Amino acid sequence: MAKTRLAGMYEDGRGGMEVNLATAANLYTEAFAEGDLTASASMERSRSRSHLN
């Protein structure tokens, strides 16, 4: 669930500087707890996003 909500933040154009950092951090924490994300997958997404901005 958290993974879907987090992905939606980026797909809706609310990524980058416009993302509420506390909300994003909470969603990442929830997604890890739910087993929806792995550390390597999360870091890879962060790297690819930073290259796009």
C-alpha atoms as a PDB file:
ATOM      1  CA  MET A   1       0.000   0.000   0.000  1.00  0.00           C
ATOM      2  CA  ALA A   2       2.692   2.507   0.979  1.00  0.00           C
ATOM      3  CA  LYS A   3       4.723   1.614  -2.108  1.00  0.00           C
ATOM      4  CA  THR A   4       1.726   2.383  -4.312  1.00  0.00           C
ATOM      5  CA  ARG A   5       1.090   5.710  -2.574  1.00  0.00           C
ATOM      6  CA  LEU A   6       4.758   6.659  -2.835  1.00  0.00           C
ATOM      7  CA  ALA A   7       4.892   5.784  -6.531  1.00  0.00           C
ATOM      8  CA  GLY A   8       1.741   7.846  -7.047  1.00  0.00           C
ATOM      9  CA  MET A   9       3.436  10.916  -5.598  1.00  0.00           C
ATOM     10  CA  TYR A  10       6.033  10.764  -8.367  1.00  0.00           C
ATOM     11  CA  GLU A  11       3.640   9.760 -11.148  1.00  0.00           C
ATOM     12  CA  ASP A  12       1.323  12.651 -10.316  1.00  0.00           C
ATOM     13  CA  GLY A  13       4.161  15.116 -10.775  1.00  0.00           C
ATOM     14  CA  ARG A  14       4.598  15.759  -7.078  1.00  0.00           C
ATOM     15  CA  GLY A  15       8.151  14.436  -7.052  1.00  0.00           C
ATOM     16  CA  GLY A  16      11.372  16.288  -6.493  1.00  0.00           C
ATOM     17  CA  MET A  17      11.343  19.400  -4.371  1.00  0.00           C
ATOM     18  CA  GLU A  18       7.550  19.467  -4.217  1.00  0.00           C
ATOM     19  CA  VAL A  19       7.269  16.224  -2.248  1.00  0.00           C
ATOM     20  CA  ASN A  20       6.549  16.688   1.423  1.00  0.00           C
ATOM     21  CA  LEU A  21       9.709  15.084   2.784  1.00  0.00           C
ATOM     22  CA  ALA A  22       8.093  13.896   6.009  1.00  0.00           C
ATOM     23  CA  THR A  23       5.337  12.170   4.042  1.00  0.00           C
ATOM     24  CA  ALA A  24       7.812  10.567   1.659  1.00  0.00           C
ATOM     25  CA  ALA A  25       9.988   9.364   4.548  1.00  0.00           C
ATOM     26  CA  ASN A  26       6.973   7.858   6.298  1.00  0.00           C
ATOM     27  CA  LEU A  27       5.869   6.090   3.122  1.00  0.00           C
ATOM     28  CA  TYR A  28       9.355   4.665   2.546  1.00  0.00           C
ATOM     29  CA  THR A  29       9.406   3.434   6.157  1.00  0.00           C
ATOM     30  CA  GLU A  30       5.983   1.805   5.733  1.00  0.00           C
ATOM     31  CA  ALA A  31       6.984   0.231   2.428  1.00  0.00           C
ATOM     32  CA  PHE A  32      10.135  -1.285   3.969  1.00  0.00           C
ATOM     33  CA  ALA A  33       8.082  -2.590   6.907  1.00  0.00           C
ATOM     34  CA  GLU A  34       5.548  -4.112   4.513  1.00  0.00           C
ATOM     35  CA  GLY A  35       8.372  -5.778   2.582  1.00  0.00           C
ATOM     36  CA  ASP A  36       7.475  -3.875  -0.593  1.00  0.00           C
ATOM     37  CA  LEU A  37      10.915  -2.354  -1.058  1.00  0.00           C
ATOM     38  CA  THR A  38      14.434  -3.613  -0.799  1.00  0.00           C
ATOM     39  CA  ALA A  39      17.356  -1.380   0.053  1.00  0.00           C
ATOM     40  CA  SER A  40      18.997  -1.937  -3.322  1.00  0.00           C
ATOM     41  CA  ALA A  41      15.808  -1.228  -5.273  1.00  0.00           C
ATOM     42  CA  SER A  42      15.160   1.925  -3.266  1.00  0.00           C
ATOM     43  CA  MET A  43      18.694   3.213  -3.753  1.00  0.00           C
ATOM     44  CA  GLU A  44      18.541   2.475  -7.475  1.00  0.00           C
ATOM     45  CA  ARG A  45      15.303   4.461  -7.805  1.00  0.00           C
ATOM     46  CA  SER A  46      16.840   7.346  -5.869  1.00  0.00           C
ATOM     47  CA  ARG A  47      19.871   7.395  -8.158  1.00  0.00           C
ATOM     48  CA  SER A  48      17.776   7.274 -11.315  1.00  0.00           C
ATOM     49  CA  ARG A  49      15.462  10.021 -10.034  1.00  0.00           C
ATOM     50  CA  SER A  50      18.368  12.300  -9.112  1.00  0.00           C
ATOM     51  CA  HIS A  51      19.737  12.009 -12.648  1.00  0.00           C
ATOM     52  CA  LEU A  52      16.364  13.031 -14.081  1.00  0.00           C
ATOM     53  CA  ASN A  53      16.059  16.218 -12.009  1.00  0.00           C
END
